[in-house]
């Protein structure tokens, strides 16, 4: 069963700063408008870590971290009646042993907004109906200590200062899972924030093509 299950008539749901481990994550069914930000998903199984079905309005999935999923279809999976807008932005997806995609649409939203995500380790990161974002990357996120559940980013991670910041997109949360404030035009991908900026970042950004 899903750890969070919203069904039949809900609206304006926000799910923030939650830790989902060894369950089916979040299911959103037959409602409108949802915001999912600053969450960690680890060891998630089932059809999708965030499973969206017959949801209308706007769904924002921003600055989450997905690790070691065994989902059958996708870490984020949308089907049924399309949302008018679904935004998937600033997330880190690191493949587990499952056969699913990072992101998959069985029904393509009217306005899919996918960009500034890291999808690493998937043989097919994007499923049916998904167009990669121009700023998506396929890099190892370099978690500090994945084995012990520390999904903050090492100094050399290419996810640092690679996402879009709250000054450029109002849907990006200023807060983070670990309490380090996000600001400016750029920020880290994922739920954690290092506070690093372009002036003190030591690693070199990698260019990726799709």
C-alpha atoms as a PDB file:
ATOM      1  CA  UNK A   1       0.000   0.000   0.000  1.00  0.00           C
ATOM      2  CA  UNK A   2       0.975   3.616  -0.529  1.00  0.00           C
ATOM      3  CA  UNK A   3       2.328   5.447   2.486  1.00  0.00           C
ATOM      4  CA  UNK A   4       0.243   8.490   1.453  1.00  0.00           C
ATOM      5  CA  UNK A   5      -2.991   7.806  -0.433  1.00  0.00           C
ATOM      6  CA  UNK A   6      -5.230  10.686  -1.558  1.00  0.00           C
ATOM      7  CA  UNK A   7      -8.454   9.676  -3.319  1.00  0.00           C
ATOM      8  CA  UNK A   8     -11.766  11.054  -4.548  1.00  0.00           C
ATOM      9  CA  UNK A   9     -12.339  14.761  -4.253  1.00  0.00           C
ATOM     10  CA  UNK A  10      -9.217  16.089  -2.530  1.00  0.00           C
ATOM     11  CA  UNK A  11      -7.689  19.425  -3.530  1.00  0.00           C
ATOM     12  CA  UNK A  12      -4.648  21.602  -2.823  1.00  0.00           C
ATOM     13  CA  UNK A  13      -2.570  18.905  -1.111  1.00  0.00           C
ATOM     14  CA  UNK A  14       1.024  19.630  -0.075  1.00  0.00           C
ATOM     15  CA  UNK A  15       3.397  16.796   0.876  1.00  0.00           C
ATOM     16  CA  UNK A  16       6.683  18.184   2.162  1.00  0.00           C
ATOM     17  CA  UNK A  17       9.805  16.979   4.010  1.00  0.00           C
ATOM     18  CA  UNK A  18       8.683  13.361   4.332  1.00  0.00           C
ATOM     19  CA  UNK A  19      10.866  10.246   4.298  1.00  0.00           C
ATOM     20  CA  UNK A  20       9.370   7.322   2.348  1.00  0.00           C
ATOM     21  CA  UNK A  21      11.221   4.036   2.790  1.00  0.00           C
ATOM     22  CA  UNK A  22      10.304   0.492   1.751  1.00  0.00           C
ATOM     23  CA  UNK A  23       6.737   1.345   0.737  1.00  0.00           C
ATOM     24  CA  UNK A  24       4.801   2.452  -2.352  1.00  0.00           C
ATOM     25  CA  UNK A  25       5.316   6.155  -1.776  1.00  0.00           C
ATOM     26  CA  UNK A  26       2.497   8.498  -2.788  1.00  0.00           C
ATOM     27  CA  UNK A  27      -0.694   7.780  -4.724  1.00  0.00           C
ATOM     28  CA  UNK A  28      -2.828  10.677  -5.952  1.00  0.00           C
ATOM     29  CA  UNK A  29      -6.194   9.645  -7.385  1.00  0.00           C
ATOM     30  CA  UNK A  30      -9.199  11.692  -8.531  1.00  0.00           C
ATOM     31  CA  UNK A  31      -8.379  15.112  -7.119  1.00  0.00           C
ATOM     32  CA  UNK A  32      -6.934  18.449  -8.153  1.00  0.00           C
ATOM     33  CA  UNK A  33      -3.773  20.458  -7.471  1.00  0.00           C
ATOM     34  CA  UNK A  34      -0.887  18.941  -5.509  1.00  0.00           C
ATOM     35  CA  UNK A  35       2.590  20.034  -4.439  1.00  0.00           C
ATOM     36  CA  UNK A  36       5.251  17.437  -3.596  1.00  0.00           C
ATOM     37  CA  UNK A  37       8.520  19.050  -2.459  1.00  0.00           C
ATOM     38  CA  UNK A  38      11.642  18.264  -0.406  1.00  0.00           C
ATOM     39  CA  UNK A  39      10.886  14.553   0.116  1.00  0.00           C
ATOM     40  CA  UNK A  40      13.160  11.498   0.116  1.00  0.00           C
ATOM     41  CA  UNK A  41      12.034   8.210  -1.472  1.00  0.00           C
ATOM     42  CA  UNK A  42      14.243   5.173  -0.859  1.00  0.00           C
ATOM     43  CA  UNK A  43      13.570   1.526  -1.590  1.00  0.00           C
ATOM     44  CA  UNK A  44      10.176   2.343  -3.103  1.00  0.00           C
ATOM     45  CA  UNK A  45       8.336  -0.440  -4.943  1.00  0.00           C
ATOM     46  CA  UNK A  46       5.060  -0.946  -6.833  1.00  0.00           C
ATOM     47  CA  UNK A  47       3.924   0.826 -10.004  1.00  0.00           C
ATOM     48  CA  UNK A  48       5.339   4.231  -9.149  1.00  0.00           C
ATOM     49  CA  UNK A  49       6.945   6.089  -6.263  1.00  0.00           C
ATOM     50  CA  UNK A  50       4.603   8.984  -7.049  1.00  0.00           C
ATOM     51  CA  UNK A  51       1.590   7.506  -8.823  1.00  0.00           C
ATOM     52  CA  UNK A  52      -0.810  10.036 -10.374  1.00  0.00           C
ATOM     53  CA  UNK A  53      -4.140   8.877 -11.774  1.00  0.00           C
ATOM     54  CA  UNK A  54      -7.118  10.998 -12.899  1.00  0.00           C
ATOM     55  CA  UNK A  55      -5.749  14.151 -11.326  1.00  0.00           C
ATOM     56  CA  UNK A  56      -6.544  17.578 -12.761  1.00  0.00           C
ATOM     57  CA  UNK A  57      -5.189  21.062 -12.151  1.00  0.00           C
ATOM     58  CA  UNK A  58      -1.501  21.520 -11.372  1.00  0.00           C
ATOM     59  CA  UNK A  59       0.895  18.978  -9.875  1.00  0.00           C
ATOM     60  CA  UNK A  60       4.339  20.256  -8.877  1.00  0.00           C
ATOM     61  CA  UNK A  61       7.006  17.638  -8.094  1.00  0.00           C
ATOM     62  CA  UNK A  62      10.059  19.690  -7.177  1.00  0.00           C
ATOM     63  CA  UNK A  63      13.347  19.065  -5.302  1.00  0.00           C
ATOM     64  CA  UNK A  64      12.802  15.443  -4.272  1.00  0.00           C
ATOM     65  CA  UNK A  65      15.369  12.629  -4.059  1.00  0.00           C
ATOM     66  CA  UNK A  66      14.583   9.096  -5.318  1.00  0.00           C
ATOM     67  CA  UNK A  67      17.093   6.332  -4.489  1.00  0.00           C
ATOM     68  CA  UNK A  68      17.168   2.564  -5.028  1.00  0.00           C
ATOM     69  CA  UNK A  69      13.659   2.215  -6.434  1.00  0.00           C
ATOM     70  CA  UNK A  70      12.295  -1.110  -7.620  1.00  0.00           C
ATOM     71  CA  UNK A  71       9.179   0.390  -9.219  1.00  0.00           C
ATOM     72  CA  UNK A  72       7.739  -1.520 -12.163  1.00  0.00           C
ATOM     73  CA  UNK A  73       6.813   1.508 -14.280  1.00  0.00           C
ATOM     74  CA  UNK A  74       8.460   4.693 -13.058  1.00  0.00           C
ATOM     75  CA  UNK A  75       9.579   6.612  -9.994  1.00  0.00           C
ATOM     76  CA  UNK A  76       7.033   9.175 -11.170  1.00  0.00           C
ATOM     77  CA  UNK A  77       4.138   7.703 -13.149  1.00  0.00           C
ATOM     78  CA  UNK A  78       1.106   9.589 -14.492  1.00  0.00           C
ATOM     79  CA  UNK A  79      -1.870   7.953 -16.171  1.00  0.00           C
ATOM     80  CA  UNK A  80      -5.637   8.346 -16.580  1.00  0.00           C
ATOM     81  CA  UNK A  81      -7.146  11.782 -17.170  1.00  0.00           C
ATOM     82  CA  UNK A  82      -4.252  14.150 -17.864  1.00  0.00           C
ATOM     83  CA  UNK A  83      -3.416  17.011 -15.544  1.00  0.00           C
ATOM     84  CA  UNK A  84      -3.440  20.431 -17.161  1.00  0.00           C
ATOM     85  CA  UNK A  85       0.109  20.946 -15.878  1.00  0.00           C
ATOM     86  CA  UNK A  86       2.607  18.581 -14.288  1.00  0.00           C
ATOM     87  CA  UNK A  87       5.982  20.000 -13.359  1.00  0.00           C
ATOM     88  CA  UNK A  88       8.879  17.641 -12.562  1.00  0.00           C
ATOM     89  CA  UNK A  89      11.870  19.784 -11.722  1.00  0.00           C
ATOM     90  CA  UNK A  90      15.092  19.776  -9.656  1.00  0.00           C
ATOM     91  CA  UNK A  91      14.715  16.107  -8.686  1.00  0.00           C
ATOM     92  CA  UNK A  92      17.384  13.412  -8.356  1.00  0.00           C
ATOM     93  CA  UNK A  93      16.503   9.906  -9.580  1.00  0.00           C
ATOM     94  CA  UNK A  94      19.006   7.108  -8.908  1.00  0.00           C
ATOM     95  CA  UNK A  95      17.958   3.707 -10.250  1.00  0.00           C
ATOM     96  CA  UNK A  96      17.672   0.660  -8.040  1.00  0.00           C
ATOM     97  CA  UNK A  97      17.099  -2.899  -9.199  1.00  0.00           C
ATOM     98  CA  UNK A  98      13.685  -2.277 -10.770  1.00  0.00           C
ATOM     99  CA  UNK A  99      12.941  -2.301 -14.486  1.00  0.00           C
ATOM    100  CA  UNK A 100      10.954   0.940 -14.515  1.00  0.00           C
ATOM    101  CA  UNK A 101      11.802   4.379 -15.837  1.00  0.00           C
ATOM    102  CA  UNK A 102      12.638   7.463 -13.867  1.00  0.00           C
ATOM    103  CA  UNK A 103       9.659   9.328 -15.336  1.00  0.00           C
ATOM    104  CA  UNK A 104       6.800   7.811 -17.350  1.00  0.00           C
ATOM    105  CA  UNK A 105       3.482   9.114 -18.693  1.00  0.00           C
ATOM    106  CA  UNK A 106       0.804   6.658 -19.755  1.00  0.00           C
ATOM    107  CA  UNK A 107      -1.341   9.696 -20.537  1.00  0.00           C
ATOM    108  CA  UNK A 108       0.640  12.775 -21.491  1.00  0.00           C
ATOM    109  CA  UNK A 109      -0.350  15.894 -19.508  1.00  0.00           C
ATOM    110  CA  UNK A 110      -1.647  18.903 -21.405  1.00  0.00           C
ATOM    111  CA  UNK A 111       1.399  20.854 -20.244  1.00  0.00           C
ATOM    112  CA  UNK A 112       4.294  18.641 -19.154  1.00  0.00           C
ATOM    113  CA  UNK A 113       7.169  20.662 -17.682  1.00  0.00           C
ATOM    114  CA  UNK A 114      10.246  18.487 -17.145  1.00  0.00           C
ATOM    115  CA  UNK A 115      13.652  20.050 -16.591  1.00  0.00           C
ATOM    116  CA  UNK A 116      16.666  20.345 -14.271  1.00  0.00           C
ATOM    117  CA  UNK A 117      16.496  16.707 -13.135  1.00  0.00           C
ATOM    118  CA  UNK A 118      19.271  14.151 -12.675  1.00  0.00           C
ATOM    119  CA  UNK A 119      18.377  10.612 -13.855  1.00  0.00           C
ATOM    120  CA  UNK A 120      21.210   8.183 -13.219  1.00  0.00           C
ATOM    121  CA  UNK A 121      21.583   4.455 -13.761  1.00  0.00           C
ATOM    122  CA  UNK A 122      18.430   3.782 -15.793  1.00  0.00           C
ATOM    123  CA  UNK A 123      18.681   1.790 -19.003  1.00  0.00           C
ATOM    124  CA  UNK A 124      15.675   3.827 -20.206  1.00  0.00           C
ATOM    125  CA  UNK A 125      15.319   6.878 -17.942  1.00  0.00           C
ATOM    126  CA  UNK A 126      12.318   8.369 -19.733  1.00  0.00           C
ATOM    127  CA  UNK A 127       9.250   6.285 -20.461  1.00  0.00           C
ATOM    128  CA  UNK A 128       6.511   6.647 -23.033  1.00  0.00           C
ATOM    129  CA  UNK A 129       5.315  10.193 -23.657  1.00  0.00           C
ATOM    130  CA  UNK A 130       8.190  11.914 -21.838  1.00  0.00           C
ATOM    131  CA  UNK A 131      10.475  14.456 -23.496  1.00  0.00           C
ATOM    132  CA  UNK A 132      13.735  15.050 -21.590  1.00  0.00           C
ATOM    133  CA  UNK A 133      14.306  18.558 -20.305  1.00  0.00           C
ATOM    134  CA  UNK A 134      17.112  20.564 -21.927  1.00  0.00           C
ATOM    135  CA  UNK A 135      18.868  20.909 -18.551  1.00  0.00           C
ATOM    136  CA  UNK A 136      18.405  17.295 -17.377  1.00  0.00           C
ATOM    137  CA  UNK A 137      21.628  15.381 -16.698  1.00  0.00           C
ATOM    138  CA  UNK A 138      22.586  11.678 -16.364  1.00  0.00           C
ATOM    139  CA  UNK A 139      25.252  12.007 -13.638  1.00  0.00           C
ATOM    140  CA  UNK A 140      26.019   9.983 -10.524  1.00  0.00           C
ATOM    141  CA  UNK A 141      24.721  12.330  -7.793  1.00  0.00           C
ATOM    142  CA  UNK A 142      27.556  11.349  -5.417  1.00  0.00           C
ATOM    143  CA  UNK A 143      25.593  11.075  -2.189  1.00  0.00           C
ATOM    144  CA  UNK A 144      27.623  11.591   0.976  1.00  0.00           C
ATOM    145  CA  UNK A 145      26.866   8.134   2.417  1.00  0.00           C
ATOM    146  CA  UNK A 146      24.131   6.320   0.537  1.00  0.00           C
ATOM    147  CA  UNK A 147      24.564   3.138   2.564  1.00  0.00           C
ATOM    148  CA  UNK A 148      23.680   4.896   5.799  1.00  0.00           C
ATOM    149  CA  UNK A 149      20.917   7.020   4.255  1.00  0.00           C
ATOM    150  CA  UNK A 150      22.810  10.300   3.977  1.00  0.00           C
ATOM    151  CA  UNK A 151      21.605  11.637   0.624  1.00  0.00           C
ATOM    152  CA  UNK A 152      23.244  15.033   0.907  1.00  0.00           C
ATOM    153  CA  UNK A 153      25.700  15.751  -1.899  1.00  0.00           C
ATOM    154  CA  UNK A 154      29.473  15.458  -1.866  1.00  0.00           C
ATOM    155  CA  UNK A 155      31.458  18.495  -2.976  1.00  0.00           C
ATOM    156  CA  UNK A 156      32.170  16.936  -6.382  1.00  0.00           C
ATOM    157  CA  UNK A 157      28.540  16.214  -7.269  1.00  0.00           C
ATOM    158  CA  UNK A 158      27.344  17.565 -10.588  1.00  0.00           C
ATOM    159  CA  UNK A 159      23.915  18.102  -9.007  1.00  0.00           C
ATOM    160  CA  UNK A 160      25.252  20.983  -6.920  1.00  0.00           C
ATOM    161  CA  UNK A 161      24.056  24.354  -8.178  1.00  0.00           C
ATOM    162  CA  UNK A 162      22.648  22.653 -11.273  1.00  0.00           C
ATOM    163  CA  UNK A 163      18.917  23.156 -10.575  1.00  0.00           C
ATOM    164  CA  UNK A 164      16.808  26.245 -11.147  1.00  0.00           C
ATOM    165  CA  UNK A 165      16.576  28.525  -8.087  1.00  0.00           C
ATOM    166  CA  UNK A 166      13.601  30.109  -6.318  1.00  0.00           C
ATOM    167  CA  UNK A 167      14.386  33.535  -7.761  1.00  0.00           C
ATOM    168  CA  UNK A 168      13.863  32.091 -11.256  1.00  0.00           C
ATOM    169  CA  UNK A 169      10.898  29.825 -10.457  1.00  0.00           C
ATOM    170  CA  UNK A 170       8.443  30.542  -7.637  1.00  0.00           C
ATOM    171  CA  UNK A 171       7.579  26.824  -7.371  1.00  0.00           C
ATOM    172  CA  UNK A 172      11.091  26.025  -6.102  1.00  0.00           C
ATOM    173  CA  UNK A 173      10.979  25.923  -2.269  1.00  0.00           C
ATOM    174  CA  UNK A 174      13.261  28.286  -0.383  1.00  0.00           C
ATOM    175  CA  UNK A 175      13.525  25.707   2.403  1.00  0.00           C
ATOM    176  CA  UNK A 176      15.120  22.262   1.976  1.00  0.00           C
ATOM    177  CA  UNK A 177      14.953  18.820   3.582  1.00  0.00           C
ATOM    178  CA  UNK A 178      18.054  19.565   5.655  1.00  0.00           C
ATOM    179  CA  UNK A 179      17.046  23.145   6.480  1.00  0.00           C
ATOM    180  CA  UNK A 180      19.666  24.939   4.344  1.00  0.00           C
ATOM    181  CA  UNK A 181      17.947  27.855   2.605  1.00  0.00           C
ATOM    182  CA  UNK A 182      17.783  27.992  -1.181  1.00  0.00           C
ATOM    183  CA  UNK A 183      18.107  31.349  -2.883  1.00  0.00           C
ATOM    184  CA  UNK A 184      19.124  32.928  -6.163  1.00  0.00           C
ATOM    185  CA  UNK A 185      18.674  31.878  -9.772  1.00  0.00           C
ATOM    186  CA  UNK A 186      20.261  28.435  -9.318  1.00  0.00           C
ATOM    187  CA  UNK A 187      20.299  25.808  -6.562  1.00  0.00           C
ATOM    188  CA  UNK A 188      21.077  22.134  -5.954  1.00  0.00           C
ATOM    189  CA  UNK A 189      19.003  19.317  -7.381  1.00  0.00           C
ATOM    190  CA  UNK A 190      17.331  16.979  -4.894  1.00  0.00           C
ATOM    191  CA  UNK A 191      15.800  17.374  -1.453  1.00  0.00           C
ATOM    192  CA  UNK A 192      19.007  18.506   0.262  1.00  0.00           C
ATOM    193  CA  UNK A 193      20.776  21.817  -0.279  1.00  0.00           C
ATOM    194  CA  UNK A 194      24.500  22.347   0.215  1.00  0.00           C
ATOM    195  CA  UNK A 195      24.397  26.138   0.123  1.00  0.00           C
ATOM    196  CA  UNK A 196      27.122  26.107  -2.548  1.00  0.00           C
ATOM    197  CA  UNK A 197      27.101  28.859  -5.191  1.00  0.00           C
ATOM    198  CA  UNK A 198      28.960  29.350  -8.461  1.00  0.00           C
ATOM    199  CA  UNK A 199      31.674  31.332  -6.698  1.00  0.00           C
ATOM    200  CA  UNK A 200      32.676  28.545  -4.306  1.00  0.00           C
ATOM    201  CA  UNK A 201      31.805  25.400  -6.231  1.00  0.00           C
ATOM    202  CA  UNK A 202      34.934  23.371  -6.970  1.00  0.00           C
ATOM    203  CA  UNK A 203      33.654  20.755  -9.436  1.00  0.00           C
ATOM    204  CA  UNK A 204      33.254  21.202 -13.182  1.00  0.00           C
ATOM    205  CA  UNK A 205      29.823  21.014 -14.732  1.00  0.00           C
ATOM    206  CA  UNK A 206      29.365  18.319 -17.342  1.00  0.00           C
ATOM    207  CA  UNK A 207      27.504  18.890 -20.578  1.00  0.00           C
ATOM    208  CA  UNK A 208      24.991  16.171 -21.441  1.00  0.00           C
ATOM    209  CA  UNK A 209      23.103  15.452 -24.620  1.00  0.00           C
ATOM    210  CA  UNK A 210      19.910  13.437 -25.142  1.00  0.00           C
END
